[in-house]
Amino acid sequence: MKTVLVSLIAIIPILGFAQKKKDLKSSGNPIFPGWYADPEAIVYGKEYWVFPTYSDKYENQVFFDAFSSKDLVHWTKHKDVLDSSNVKWAKQAMWAPAVLEKDKKYYLFFGANDIHPGEVGGIGVAVANKPAGPYKDLLGKPLIDTIVNGAQPIDQFVFKDKEGQYYMFYGGWGHCNVVRLKSDFSKLVPFSDGTLYKEVTPKNYVEGPFMFERKGIYYFMWSEGGWTGPDYKVAYSMSENPLGPFKRIGTVLVQNFDIANGAGHHSIIHNPKSDKYYIVYHRRPNGETAANHRETCIEEINFDKDGKIIPVNISKSGVKMDGL
């Protein structure tokens, strides 16, 4: 009898954990454990995917993990989908991925080496046959490796317009450029006026550009403030043209310093089935002071009658289950 009782006591916590997982109806924040930042979220088929930066010391930030979910609540980790061993020119940190699918291939754009004048590095692109990789360097060199218009070549986001043209918005150091990409992502192609780079920097822009389209309006978004400090935040503009002009409207993320600070560098995902929009972002939990102690979180975003984004209150609860 004693042996049976001990055995039951031993398995009760396991059963309790399983029941808790089964009954989980909301994501909670963070949505998965570990220090991860700069999350790029996307829908591939019937799954949500998040590709974040591994948030650690510069010299350790040399690989990417990815996470997938069918409902925004239960997440599966895919380790080391790309690392610097597959990108020979990336000798130092890699971060801030941008991802997309085209012609049954999966592409991952990334920044590497934190390029400064005279240094090798910039924006690269890798390709795989499935979302979880493994990804391989597409070009064997950076796609962009120079500083143009004062924009550090980092924090790229790739956007496809209604005509099928791919644009890449990128830039740190308070400047944002947009370029046109060749359809195979092998190089830049000029605009109609012959130029390769156009600066589209909105007021207070620092880094982390992102764009999505809703009801014919292009929402251009970016991060402001310093990523290591508490004032990091996300702002946005609205335009009828994907190339702007972009006039700052206001702040999207409203921080709650009882929960976290440094909320920024985000992406947006849309569930066409429920017509819900979500902002996936990183933040630094209350009490954490280390710059790289950042976690990936999610909130629902909503719009007013004029299409403007209603400021988001960051939460511990996250979002409710939402299947595709």
C-alpha atoms as a PDB file:
ATOM      1  CA  MET A   1       0.000   0.000   0.000  1.00  0.00           C
ATOM      2  CA  LYS A   2       2.833   2.338   0.893  1.00  0.00           C
ATOM      3  CA  THR A   3       4.567   1.605  -2.408  1.00  0.00           C
ATOM      4  CA  VAL A   4       1.379   2.354  -4.387  1.00  0.00           C
ATOM      5  CA  LEU A   5       0.830   5.608  -2.492  1.00  0.00           C
ATOM      6  CA  VAL A   6       4.395   6.751  -3.128  1.00  0.00           C
ATOM      7  CA  SER A   7       3.985   5.931  -6.818  1.00  0.00           C
ATOM      8  CA  LEU A   8       0.776   7.953  -7.031  1.00  0.00           C
ATOM      9  CA  ILE A   9       2.380  10.898  -5.275  1.00  0.00           C
ATOM     10  CA  ALA A  10       5.265  10.708  -7.713  1.00  0.00           C
ATOM     11  CA  ILE A  11       3.083  10.891 -10.837  1.00  0.00           C
ATOM     12  CA  ILE A  12       0.572  13.508  -9.618  1.00  0.00           C
ATOM     13  CA  PRO A  13       2.861  16.454 -10.535  1.00  0.00           C
ATOM     14  CA  ILE A  14       3.343  14.977 -14.007  1.00  0.00           C
ATOM     15  CA  LEU A  15      -0.384  14.558 -14.518  1.00  0.00           C
ATOM     16  CA  GLY A  16      -0.961  18.041 -13.209  1.00  0.00           C
ATOM     17  CA  PHE A  17       1.553  19.498 -15.641  1.00  0.00           C
ATOM     18  CA  ALA A  18       0.001  17.615 -18.553  1.00  0.00           C
ATOM     19  CA  GLN A  19      -3.477  18.808 -17.590  1.00  0.00           C
ATOM     20  CA  LYS A  20      -2.258  22.356 -17.260  1.00  0.00           C
ATOM     21  CA  LYS A  21      -0.750  22.257 -20.732  1.00  0.00           C
ATOM     22  CA  LYS A  22      -3.897  20.694 -22.157  1.00  0.00           C
ATOM     23  CA  ASP A  23      -6.148  23.350 -20.653  1.00  0.00           C
ATOM     24  CA  LEU A  24      -3.925  26.280 -21.636  1.00  0.00           C
ATOM     25  CA  LYS A  25      -6.058  28.806 -23.535  1.00  0.00           C
ATOM     26  CA  SER A  26      -3.744  31.801 -23.756  1.00  0.00           C
ATOM     27  CA  SER A  27      -0.120  32.218 -24.691  1.00  0.00           C
ATOM     28  CA  GLY A  28       1.203  34.054 -21.663  1.00  0.00           C
ATOM     29  CA  ASN A  29       4.232  36.308 -22.059  1.00  0.00           C
ATOM     30  CA  PRO A  30       6.922  35.465 -22.962  1.00  0.00           C
ATOM     31  CA  ILE A  31       5.542  33.013 -25.488  1.00  0.00           C
ATOM     32  CA  PHE A  32       8.560  30.709 -25.169  1.00  0.00           C
ATOM     33  CA  PRO A  33      11.471  30.554 -22.692  1.00  0.00           C
ATOM     34  CA  GLY A  34      14.911  32.018 -23.252  1.00  0.00           C
ATOM     35  CA  TRP A  35      16.447  35.365 -24.084  1.00  0.00           C
ATOM     36  CA  TYR A  36      15.319  36.168 -27.629  1.00  0.00           C
ATOM     37  CA  ALA A  37      14.857  39.528 -29.379  1.00  0.00           C
ATOM     38  CA  ASP A  38      13.970  41.159 -32.719  1.00  0.00           C
ATOM     39  CA  PRO A  39      11.289  38.569 -33.549  1.00  0.00           C
ATOM     40  CA  GLU A  40      10.194  38.206 -37.154  1.00  0.00           C
ATOM     41  CA  ALA A  41       6.794  36.466 -37.184  1.00  0.00           C
ATOM     42  CA  ILE A  42       5.132  35.008 -40.265  1.00  0.00           C
ATOM     43  CA  VAL A  43       2.388  32.595 -41.292  1.00  0.00           C
ATOM     44  CA  TYR A  44       3.512  29.585 -43.324  1.00  0.00           C
ATOM     45  CA  GLY A  45       0.475  27.493 -44.317  1.00  0.00           C
ATOM     46  CA  LYS A  46      -1.346  26.447 -41.155  1.00  0.00           C
ATOM     47  CA  GLU A  47       1.442  27.430 -38.782  1.00  0.00           C
ATOM     48  CA  TYR A  48       2.771  30.573 -37.174  1.00  0.00           C
ATOM     49  CA  TRP A  49       6.544  30.899 -37.154  1.00  0.00           C
ATOM     50  CA  VAL A  50       8.821  33.219 -35.192  1.00  0.00           C
ATOM     51  CA  PHE A  51      12.470  33.787 -36.098  1.00  0.00           C
ATOM     52  CA  PRO A  52      14.197  35.845 -33.375  1.00  0.00           C
ATOM     53  CA  THR A  53      17.708  36.983 -32.569  1.00  0.00           C
ATOM     54  CA  TYR A  54      19.453  34.875 -29.946  1.00  0.00           C
ATOM     55  CA  SER A  55      19.959  37.618 -27.375  1.00  0.00           C
ATOM     56  CA  ASP A  56      23.388  37.192 -25.814  1.00  0.00           C
ATOM     57  CA  LYS A  57      26.857  38.715 -25.815  1.00  0.00           C
ATOM     58  CA  TYR A  58      28.026  39.809 -29.235  1.00  0.00           C
ATOM     59  CA  GLU A  59      30.478  36.940 -29.681  1.00  0.00           C
ATOM     60  CA  ASN A  60      27.832  34.323 -28.770  1.00  0.00           C
ATOM     61  CA  GLN A  61      25.138  35.649 -31.082  1.00  0.00           C
ATOM     62  CA  VAL A  62      26.140  33.497 -34.050  1.00  0.00           C
ATOM     63  CA  PHE A  63      23.084  31.320 -34.719  1.00  0.00           C
ATOM     64  CA  PHE A  64      19.316  31.460 -35.099  1.00  0.00           C
ATOM     65  CA  ASP A  65      16.659  29.284 -33.487  1.00  0.00           C
ATOM     66  CA  ALA A  66      13.070  29.296 -34.765  1.00  0.00           C
ATOM     67  CA  PHE A  67       9.716  28.542 -33.145  1.00  0.00           C
ATOM     68  CA  SER A  68       6.468  27.268 -34.662  1.00  0.00           C
ATOM     69  CA  SER A  69       2.882  27.053 -33.414  1.00  0.00           C
ATOM     70  CA  LYS A  70      -0.530  26.080 -34.756  1.00  0.00           C
ATOM     71  CA  ASP A  71      -2.440  28.203 -32.248  1.00  0.00           C
ATOM     72  CA  LEU A  72      -0.134  30.948 -30.806  1.00  0.00           C
ATOM     73  CA  VAL A  73      -0.176  29.119 -27.457  1.00  0.00           C
ATOM     74  CA  HIS A  74       1.847  25.907 -27.873  1.00  0.00           C
ATOM     75  CA  TRP A  75       5.267  26.485 -29.402  1.00  0.00           C
ATOM     76  CA  THR A  76       7.871  24.078 -30.801  1.00  0.00           C
ATOM     77  CA  LYS A  77      11.535  25.053 -30.836  1.00  0.00           C
ATOM     78  CA  HIS A  78      13.673  24.388 -33.917  1.00  0.00           C
ATOM     79  CA  LYS A  79      17.311  24.714 -32.925  1.00  0.00           C
ATOM     80  CA  ASP A  80      20.085  26.230 -34.971  1.00  0.00           C
ATOM     81  CA  VAL A  81      18.248  26.771 -38.270  1.00  0.00           C
ATOM     82  CA  LEU A  82      21.183  28.913 -39.423  1.00  0.00           C
ATOM     83  CA  ASP A  83      24.582  29.629 -37.900  1.00  0.00           C
ATOM     84  CA  SER A  84      27.790  31.364 -38.888  1.00  0.00           C
ATOM     85  CA  SER A  85      29.421  28.098 -40.006  1.00  0.00           C
ATOM     86  CA  ASN A  86      27.135  28.301 -43.052  1.00  0.00           C
ATOM     87  CA  VAL A  87      27.923  31.971 -43.681  1.00  0.00           C
ATOM     88  CA  LYS A  88      31.674  32.181 -44.161  1.00  0.00           C
ATOM     89  CA  TRP A  89      31.825  35.976 -44.210  1.00  0.00           C
ATOM     90  CA  ALA A  90      29.841  36.326 -40.951  1.00  0.00           C
ATOM     91  CA  LYS A  91      32.659  36.251 -38.409  1.00  0.00           C
ATOM     92  CA  GLN A  92      30.727  37.908 -35.590  1.00  0.00           C
ATOM     93  CA  ALA A  93      27.165  38.457 -34.425  1.00  0.00           C
ATOM     94  CA  MET A  94      24.121  37.645 -36.557  1.00  0.00           C
ATOM     95  CA  TRP A  95      20.722  39.118 -35.744  1.00  0.00           C
ATOM     96  CA  ALA A  96      17.315  40.520 -36.736  1.00  0.00           C
ATOM     97  CA  PRO A  97      16.142  37.990 -39.336  1.00  0.00           C
ATOM     98  CA  ALA A  98      13.515  38.695 -41.991  1.00  0.00           C
ATOM     99  CA  VAL A  99      11.811  35.706 -43.605  1.00  0.00           C
ATOM    100  CA  LEU A 100       9.544  34.824 -46.523  1.00  0.00           C
ATOM    101  CA  GLU A 101       8.502  31.968 -48.803  1.00  0.00           C
ATOM    102  CA  LYS A 102       8.799  32.145 -52.597  1.00  0.00           C
ATOM    103  CA  ASP A 103       8.410  29.364 -55.155  1.00  0.00           C
ATOM    104  CA  LYS A 104       8.493  26.667 -52.447  1.00  0.00           C
ATOM    105  CA  LYS A 105      11.798  27.983 -51.093  1.00  0.00           C
ATOM    106  CA  TYR A 106      12.227  29.686 -47.734  1.00  0.00           C
ATOM    107  CA  TYR A 107      14.466  32.721 -47.405  1.00  0.00           C
ATOM    108  CA  LEU A 108      16.048  34.215 -44.307  1.00  0.00           C
ATOM    109  CA  PHE A 109      17.630  37.671 -44.534  1.00  0.00           C
ATOM    110  CA  PHE A 110      19.939  38.653 -41.679  1.00  0.00           C
ATOM    111  CA  GLY A 111      22.420  41.237 -40.477  1.00  0.00           C
ATOM    112  CA  ALA A 112      25.970  40.210 -39.610  1.00  0.00           C
ATOM    113  CA  ASN A 113      29.178  41.696 -38.222  1.00  0.00           C
ATOM    114  CA  ASP A 114      27.580  45.007 -37.102  1.00  0.00           C
ATOM    115  CA  ILE A 115      29.250  46.782 -39.999  1.00  0.00           C
ATOM    116  CA  HIS A 116      31.047  50.068 -39.459  1.00  0.00           C
ATOM    117  CA  PRO A 117      33.104  51.988 -42.044  1.00  0.00           C
ATOM    118  CA  GLY A 118      35.979  49.817 -43.281  1.00  0.00           C
ATOM    119  CA  GLU A 119      34.532  46.553 -41.914  1.00  0.00           C
ATOM    120  CA  VAL A 120      33.196  43.541 -43.809  1.00  0.00           C
ATOM    121  CA  GLY A 121      29.587  42.710 -43.091  1.00  0.00           C
ATOM    122  CA  GLY A 122      26.071  43.871 -43.758  1.00  0.00           C
ATOM    123  CA  ILE A 123      22.857  42.185 -44.881  1.00  0.00           C
ATOM    124  CA  GLY A 124      22.957  38.607 -46.092  1.00  0.00           C
ATOM    125  CA  VAL A 125      20.396  36.099 -47.329  1.00  0.00           C
ATOM    126  CA  ALA A 126      20.098  32.355 -46.787  1.00  0.00           C
ATOM    127  CA  VAL A 127      17.771  29.768 -48.334  1.00  0.00           C
ATOM    128  CA  ALA A 128      16.226  26.439 -47.300  1.00  0.00           C
ATOM    129  CA  ASN A 129      13.743  23.862 -48.550  1.00  0.00           C
ATOM    130  CA  LYS A 130      11.580  24.058 -45.419  1.00  0.00           C
ATOM    131  CA  PRO A 131      10.879  26.680 -42.746  1.00  0.00           C
ATOM    132  CA  ALA A 132      12.992  24.916 -40.109  1.00  0.00           C
ATOM    133  CA  GLY A 133      16.011  24.825 -42.384  1.00  0.00           C
ATOM    134  CA  PRO A 134      18.816  24.110 -42.469  1.00  0.00           C
ATOM    135  CA  TYR A 135      19.476  27.430 -44.220  1.00  0.00           C
ATOM    136  CA  LYS A 136      22.513  27.937 -46.452  1.00  0.00           C
ATOM    137  CA  ASP A 137      24.126  31.185 -47.554  1.00  0.00           C
ATOM    138  CA  LEU A 138      22.631  32.104 -50.931  1.00  0.00           C
ATOM    139  CA  LEU A 139      25.286  34.491 -52.241  1.00  0.00           C
ATOM    140  CA  GLY A 140      28.528  33.777 -50.394  1.00  0.00           C
ATOM    141  CA  LYS A 141      28.753  37.494 -49.650  1.00  0.00           C
ATOM    142  CA  PRO A 142      26.533  40.278 -48.272  1.00  0.00           C
ATOM    143  CA  LEU A 143      23.655  41.507 -50.394  1.00  0.00           C
ATOM    144  CA  ILE A 144      24.313  45.008 -49.016  1.00  0.00           C
ATOM    145  CA  ASP A 145      27.720  45.752 -47.517  1.00  0.00           C
ATOM    146  CA  THR A 146      28.003  49.533 -47.702  1.00  0.00           C
ATOM    147  CA  ILE A 147      26.667  52.436 -45.685  1.00  0.00           C
ATOM    148  CA  VAL A 148      24.369  54.561 -47.858  1.00  0.00           C
ATOM    149  CA  ASN A 149      22.517  57.689 -46.699  1.00  0.00           C
ATOM    150  CA  GLY A 150      23.953  57.127 -43.230  1.00  0.00           C
ATOM    151  CA  ALA A 151      21.959  53.903 -42.792  1.00  0.00           C
ATOM    152  CA  GLN A 152      23.788  51.051 -41.129  1.00  0.00           C
ATOM    153  CA  PRO A 153      22.921  47.904 -43.165  1.00  0.00           C
ATOM    154  CA  ILE A 154      20.966  46.023 -40.493  1.00  0.00           C
ATOM    155  CA  ASP A 155      17.338  45.324 -39.480  1.00  0.00           C
ATOM    156  CA  GLN A 156      16.074  44.466 -42.939  1.00  0.00           C
ATOM    157  CA  PHE A 157      12.431  43.731 -43.747  1.00  0.00           C
ATOM    158  CA  VAL A 158      11.275  42.430 -47.145  1.00  0.00           C
ATOM    159  CA  PHE A 159       7.875  43.452 -48.476  1.00  0.00           C
ATOM    160  CA  LYS A 160       6.073  42.230 -51.602  1.00  0.00           C
ATOM    161  CA  ASP A 161       3.730  44.719 -53.273  1.00  0.00           C
ATOM    162  CA  LYS A 162       0.573  43.939 -55.252  1.00  0.00           C
ATOM    163  CA  GLU A 163       2.512  43.841 -58.515  1.00  0.00           C
ATOM    164  CA  GLY A 164       4.863  41.186 -57.164  1.00  0.00           C
ATOM    165  CA  GLN A 165       7.844  43.504 -56.686  1.00  0.00           C
ATOM    166  CA  TYR A 166       9.965  42.831 -53.595  1.00  0.00           C
ATOM    167  CA  TYR A 167      11.256  45.803 -51.618  1.00  0.00           C
ATOM    168  CA  MET A 168      13.632  45.735 -48.695  1.00  0.00           C
ATOM    169  CA  PHE A 169      13.461  48.377 -45.975  1.00  0.00           C
ATOM    170  CA  TYR A 170      16.476  48.497 -43.706  1.00  0.00           C
ATOM    171  CA  GLY A 171      18.693  50.683 -41.605  1.00  0.00           C
ATOM    172  CA  GLY A 172      20.115  51.591 -38.239  1.00  0.00           C
ATOM    173  CA  TRP A 173      21.762  54.755 -36.888  1.00  0.00           C
ATOM    174  CA  GLY A 174      18.577  56.759 -37.401  1.00  0.00           C
ATOM    175  CA  HIS A 175      18.291  56.294 -41.163  1.00  0.00           C
ATOM    176  CA  CYS A 176      16.040  54.031 -43.227  1.00  0.00           C
ATOM    177  CA  ASN A 177      16.540  53.099 -46.876  1.00  0.00           C
ATOM    178  CA  VAL A 178      14.375  51.150 -49.279  1.00  0.00           C
ATOM    179  CA  VAL A 179      15.761  49.121 -52.196  1.00  0.00           C
ATOM    180  CA  ARG A 180      14.226  46.963 -54.926  1.00  0.00           C
ATOM    181  CA  LEU A 181      15.259  43.300 -55.052  1.00  0.00           C
ATOM    182  CA  LYS A 182      15.782  41.113 -58.093  1.00  0.00           C
ATOM    183  CA  SER A 183      13.230  38.285 -58.107  1.00  0.00           C
ATOM    184  CA  ASP A 184      15.852  35.694 -57.108  1.00  0.00           C
ATOM    185  CA  PHE A 185      17.177  37.962 -54.311  1.00  0.00           C
ATOM    186  CA  SER A 186      20.674  37.877 -55.800  1.00  0.00           C
ATOM    187  CA  LYS A 187      21.100  41.637 -56.131  1.00  0.00           C
ATOM    188  CA  LEU A 188      19.457  45.047 -56.061  1.00  0.00           C
ATOM    189  CA  VAL A 189      17.730  46.478 -59.118  1.00  0.00           C
ATOM    190  CA  PRO A 190      17.360  50.200 -59.810  1.00  0.00           C
ATOM    191  CA  PHE A 191      14.239  52.289 -59.413  1.00  0.00           C
ATOM    192  CA  SER A 192      12.799  53.974 -62.495  1.00  0.00           C
ATOM    193  CA  ASP A 193      15.097  56.961 -61.974  1.00  0.00           C
ATOM    194  CA  GLY A 194      18.181  54.745 -62.020  1.00  0.00           C
ATOM    195  CA  THR A 195      18.962  54.953 -58.304  1.00  0.00           C
ATOM    196  CA  LEU A 196      19.447  51.878 -56.113  1.00  0.00           C
ATOM    197  CA  TYR A 197      18.759  53.416 -52.708  1.00  0.00           C
ATOM    198  CA  LYS A 198      16.016  55.747 -51.539  1.00  0.00           C
ATOM    199  CA  GLU A 199      15.911  57.176 -48.040  1.00  0.00           C
ATOM    200  CA  VAL A 200      12.450  57.048 -46.436  1.00  0.00           C
ATOM    201  CA  THR A 201      13.349  57.933 -42.834  1.00  0.00           C
ATOM    202  CA  PRO A 202      10.327  59.096 -40.788  1.00  0.00           C
ATOM    203  CA  LYS A 203      10.528  61.365 -37.753  1.00  0.00           C
ATOM    204  CA  ASN A 204      12.214  59.792 -34.699  1.00  0.00           C
ATOM    205  CA  TYR A 205      13.171  56.634 -36.608  1.00  0.00           C
ATOM    206  CA  VAL A 206      16.014  54.650 -35.065  1.00  0.00           C
ATOM    207  CA  GLU A 207      15.850  51.086 -36.468  1.00  0.00           C
ATOM    208  CA  GLY A 208      13.661  47.990 -36.942  1.00  0.00           C
ATOM    209  CA  PRO A 209      11.416  48.864 -39.950  1.00  0.00           C
ATOM    210  CA  PHE A 210       8.343  46.777 -40.703  1.00  0.00           C
ATOM    211  CA  MET A 211       5.423  47.108 -43.137  1.00  0.00           C
ATOM    212  CA  PHE A 212       2.040  45.480 -43.604  1.00  0.00           C
ATOM    213  CA  GLU A 213      -0.985  46.271 -45.769  1.00  0.00           C
ATOM    214  CA  ARG A 214      -4.584  46.440 -44.535  1.00  0.00           C
ATOM    215  CA  LYS A 215      -7.603  47.592 -46.546  1.00  0.00           C
ATOM    216  CA  GLY A 216      -5.435  49.314 -49.121  1.00  0.00           C
ATOM    217  CA  ILE A 217      -3.373  51.209 -46.548  1.00  0.00           C
ATOM    218  CA  TYR A 218       0.321  50.562 -45.972  1.00  0.00           C
ATOM    219  CA  TYR A 219       1.364  50.686 -42.332  1.00  0.00           C
ATOM    220  CA  PHE A 220       5.045  51.498 -41.968  1.00  0.00           C
ATOM    221  CA  MET A 221       6.415  50.874 -38.482  1.00  0.00           C
ATOM    222  CA  TRP A 222       9.755  51.289 -36.715  1.00  0.00           C
ATOM    223  CA  SER A 223      11.501  51.358 -33.336  1.00  0.00           C
ATOM    224  CA  GLU A 224      12.514  54.502 -31.486  1.00  0.00           C
ATOM    225  CA  GLY A 225      14.790  55.159 -28.504  1.00  0.00           C
ATOM    226  CA  GLY A 226      17.777  53.075 -27.475  1.00  0.00           C
ATOM    227  CA  TRP A 227      17.517  49.280 -27.470  1.00  0.00           C
ATOM    228  CA  THR A 228      19.512  48.970 -24.238  1.00  0.00           C
ATOM    229  CA  GLY A 229      17.313  51.424 -22.338  1.00  0.00           C
ATOM    230  CA  PRO A 230      13.757  51.643 -21.032  1.00  0.00           C
ATOM    231  CA  ASP A 231      12.565  54.117 -23.680  1.00  0.00           C
ATOM    232  CA  TYR A 232      12.582  51.671 -26.600  1.00  0.00           C
ATOM    233  CA  LYS A 233       9.195  51.705 -28.336  1.00  0.00           C
ATOM    234  CA  VAL A 234       7.350  51.217 -31.620  1.00  0.00           C
ATOM    235  CA  ALA A 235       5.792  53.982 -33.731  1.00  0.00           C
ATOM    236  CA  TYR A 236       3.977  53.954 -37.062  1.00  0.00           C
ATOM    237  CA  SER A 237       2.683  55.840 -40.079  1.00  0.00           C
ATOM    238  CA  MET A 238       0.053  55.172 -42.748  1.00  0.00           C
ATOM    239  CA  SER A 239       0.354  55.713 -46.488  1.00  0.00           C
ATOM    240  CA  GLU A 240      -1.472  54.848 -49.698  1.00  0.00           C
ATOM    241  CA  ASN A 241       1.893  54.085 -51.289  1.00  0.00           C
ATOM    242  CA  PRO A 242       4.347  51.410 -50.055  1.00  0.00           C
ATOM    243  CA  LEU A 243       7.176  53.852 -50.664  1.00  0.00           C
ATOM    244  CA  GLY A 244       5.625  56.629 -48.609  1.00  0.00           C
ATOM    245  CA  PRO A 245       5.938  59.388 -47.717  1.00  0.00           C
ATOM    246  CA  PHE A 246       5.726  58.229 -44.095  1.00  0.00           C
ATOM    247  CA  LYS A 247       4.472  60.773 -41.584  1.00  0.00           C
ATOM    248  CA  ARG A 248       4.661  59.686 -37.969  1.00  0.00           C
ATOM    249  CA  ILE A 249       1.223  59.191 -36.400  1.00  0.00           C
ATOM    250  CA  GLY A 250       1.985  57.907 -32.924  1.00  0.00           C
ATOM    251  CA  THR A 251       3.261  55.167 -30.668  1.00  0.00           C
ATOM    252  CA  VAL A 252       1.954  51.599 -30.876  1.00  0.00           C
ATOM    253  CA  LEU A 253       3.409  49.965 -27.786  1.00  0.00           C
ATOM    254  CA  VAL A 254       2.528  51.644 -24.506  1.00  0.00           C
ATOM    255  CA  GLN A 255       4.860  50.295 -21.865  1.00  0.00           C
ATOM    256  CA  ASN A 256       3.973  49.218 -18.351  1.00  0.00           C
ATOM    257  CA  PHE A 257       7.064  49.503 -16.205  1.00  0.00           C
ATOM    258  CA  ASP A 258       5.519  47.227 -13.565  1.00  0.00           C
ATOM    259  CA  ILE A 259       5.733  44.438 -16.170  1.00  0.00           C
ATOM    260  CA  ALA A 260       8.584  45.267 -18.535  1.00  0.00           C
ATOM    261  CA  ASN A 261      10.406  48.013 -20.409  1.00  0.00           C
ATOM    262  CA  GLY A 262      12.398  48.331 -23.610  1.00  0.00           C
ATOM    263  CA  ALA A 263       9.488  47.020 -25.695  1.00  0.00           C
ATOM    264  CA  GLY A 264      10.330  47.223 -29.377  1.00  0.00           C
ATOM    265  CA  HIS A 265      11.735  45.707 -32.586  1.00  0.00           C
ATOM    266  CA  HIS A 266       8.567  43.950 -33.605  1.00  0.00           C
ATOM    267  CA  SER A 267       6.699  42.302 -36.451  1.00  0.00           C
ATOM    268  CA  ILE A 268       3.014  41.862 -37.307  1.00  0.00           C
ATOM    269  CA  ILE A 269       1.111  38.689 -38.169  1.00  0.00           C
ATOM    270  CA  HIS A 270      -2.438  38.366 -39.465  1.00  0.00           C
ATOM    271  CA  ASN A 271      -4.756  35.383 -39.185  1.00  0.00           C
ATOM    272  CA  PRO A 272      -6.994  35.631 -42.281  1.00  0.00           C
ATOM    273  CA  LYS A 273      -9.443  33.146 -40.757  1.00  0.00           C
ATOM    274  CA  SER A 274     -10.177  35.171 -37.596  1.00  0.00           C
ATOM    275  CA  ASP A 275      -9.059  38.495 -39.159  1.00  0.00           C
ATOM    276  CA  LYS A 276      -7.018  39.201 -36.040  1.00  0.00           C
ATOM    277  CA  TYR A 277      -3.704  41.046 -36.060  1.00  0.00           C
ATOM    278  CA  TYR A 278      -0.912  40.454 -33.579  1.00  0.00           C
ATOM    279  CA  ILE A 279       2.260  42.311 -32.711  1.00  0.00           C
ATOM    280  CA  VAL A 280       5.223  40.121 -31.782  1.00  0.00           C
ATOM    281  CA  TYR A 281       7.991  42.050 -30.040  1.00  0.00           C
ATOM    282  CA  HIS A 282      10.712  41.835 -27.432  1.00  0.00           C
ATOM    283  CA  ARG A 283      10.904  43.450 -24.021  1.00  0.00           C
ATOM    284  CA  ARG A 284      13.053  43.458 -20.891  1.00  0.00           C
ATOM    285  CA  PRO A 285      11.238  42.069 -17.829  1.00  0.00           C
ATOM    286  CA  ASN A 286      10.839  44.232 -14.756  1.00  0.00           C
ATOM    287  CA  GLY A 287      13.912  43.842 -12.563  1.00  0.00           C
ATOM    288  CA  GLU A 288      16.251  42.870 -15.405  1.00  0.00           C
ATOM    289  CA  THR A 289      18.999  45.353 -16.163  1.00  0.00           C
ATOM    290  CA  ALA A 290      21.271  43.385 -18.509  1.00  0.00           C
ATOM    291  CA  ALA A 291      20.957  44.730 -22.060  1.00  0.00           C
ATOM    292  CA  ASN A 292      20.577  41.281 -23.621  1.00  0.00           C
ATOM    293  CA  HIS A 293      17.972  39.983 -21.188  1.00  0.00           C
ATOM    294  CA  ARG A 294      15.131  40.314 -23.646  1.00  0.00           C
ATOM    295  CA  GLU A 295      12.183  37.988 -24.197  1.00  0.00           C
ATOM    296  CA  THR A 296       9.722  37.506 -27.043  1.00  0.00           C
ATOM    297  CA  CYS A 297       6.098  38.468 -26.372  1.00  0.00           C
ATOM    298  CA  ILE A 298       2.822  38.909 -28.229  1.00  0.00           C
ATOM    299  CA  GLU A 299      -0.279  41.125 -28.001  1.00  0.00           C
ATOM    300  CA  GLU A 300      -3.337  41.592 -30.175  1.00  0.00           C
ATOM    301  CA  ILE A 301      -3.578  44.898 -32.016  1.00  0.00           C
ATOM    302  CA  ASN A 302      -6.811  46.643 -32.964  1.00  0.00           C
ATOM    303  CA  PHE A 303      -7.792  49.572 -35.165  1.00  0.00           C
ATOM    304  CA  ASP A 304     -10.175  52.471 -34.734  1.00  0.00           C
ATOM    305  CA  LYS A 305     -12.831  53.500 -37.291  1.00  0.00           C
ATOM    306  CA  ASP A 306     -10.242  55.499 -39.234  1.00  0.00           C
ATOM    307  CA  GLY A 307      -7.858  52.583 -39.464  1.00  0.00           C
ATOM    308  CA  LYS A 308      -5.407  53.952 -36.919  1.00  0.00           C
ATOM    309  CA  ILE A 309      -3.748  51.499 -34.570  1.00  0.00           C
ATOM    310  CA  ILE A 310      -5.057  51.658 -31.008  1.00  0.00           C
ATOM    311  CA  PRO A 311      -2.056  51.827 -28.635  1.00  0.00           C
ATOM    312  CA  VAL A 312      -1.199  48.440 -27.140  1.00  0.00           C
ATOM    313  CA  ASN A 313      -0.886  47.771 -23.431  1.00  0.00           C
ATOM    314  CA  ILE A 314       1.750  45.135 -22.784  1.00  0.00           C
ATOM    315  CA  SER A 315       0.550  42.217 -20.706  1.00  0.00           C
ATOM    316  CA  LYS A 316       1.562  39.062 -18.885  1.00  0.00           C
ATOM    317  CA  SER A 317      -1.360  37.100 -20.361  1.00  0.00           C
ATOM    318  CA  GLY A 318      -0.490  37.481 -24.052  1.00  0.00           C
ATOM    319  CA  VAL A 319      -3.207  36.365 -26.474  1.00  0.00           C
ATOM    320  CA  LYS A 320      -5.898  33.717 -26.674  1.00  0.00           C
ATOM    321  CA  MET A 321      -5.620  30.568 -28.766  1.00  0.00           C
ATOM    322  CA  ASP A 322      -6.193  31.323 -32.462  1.00  0.00           C
ATOM    323  CA  GLY A 323      -5.804  28.571 -35.040  1.00  0.00           C
ATOM    324  CA  LEU A 324      -5.267  29.189 -38.720  1.00  0.00           C
END
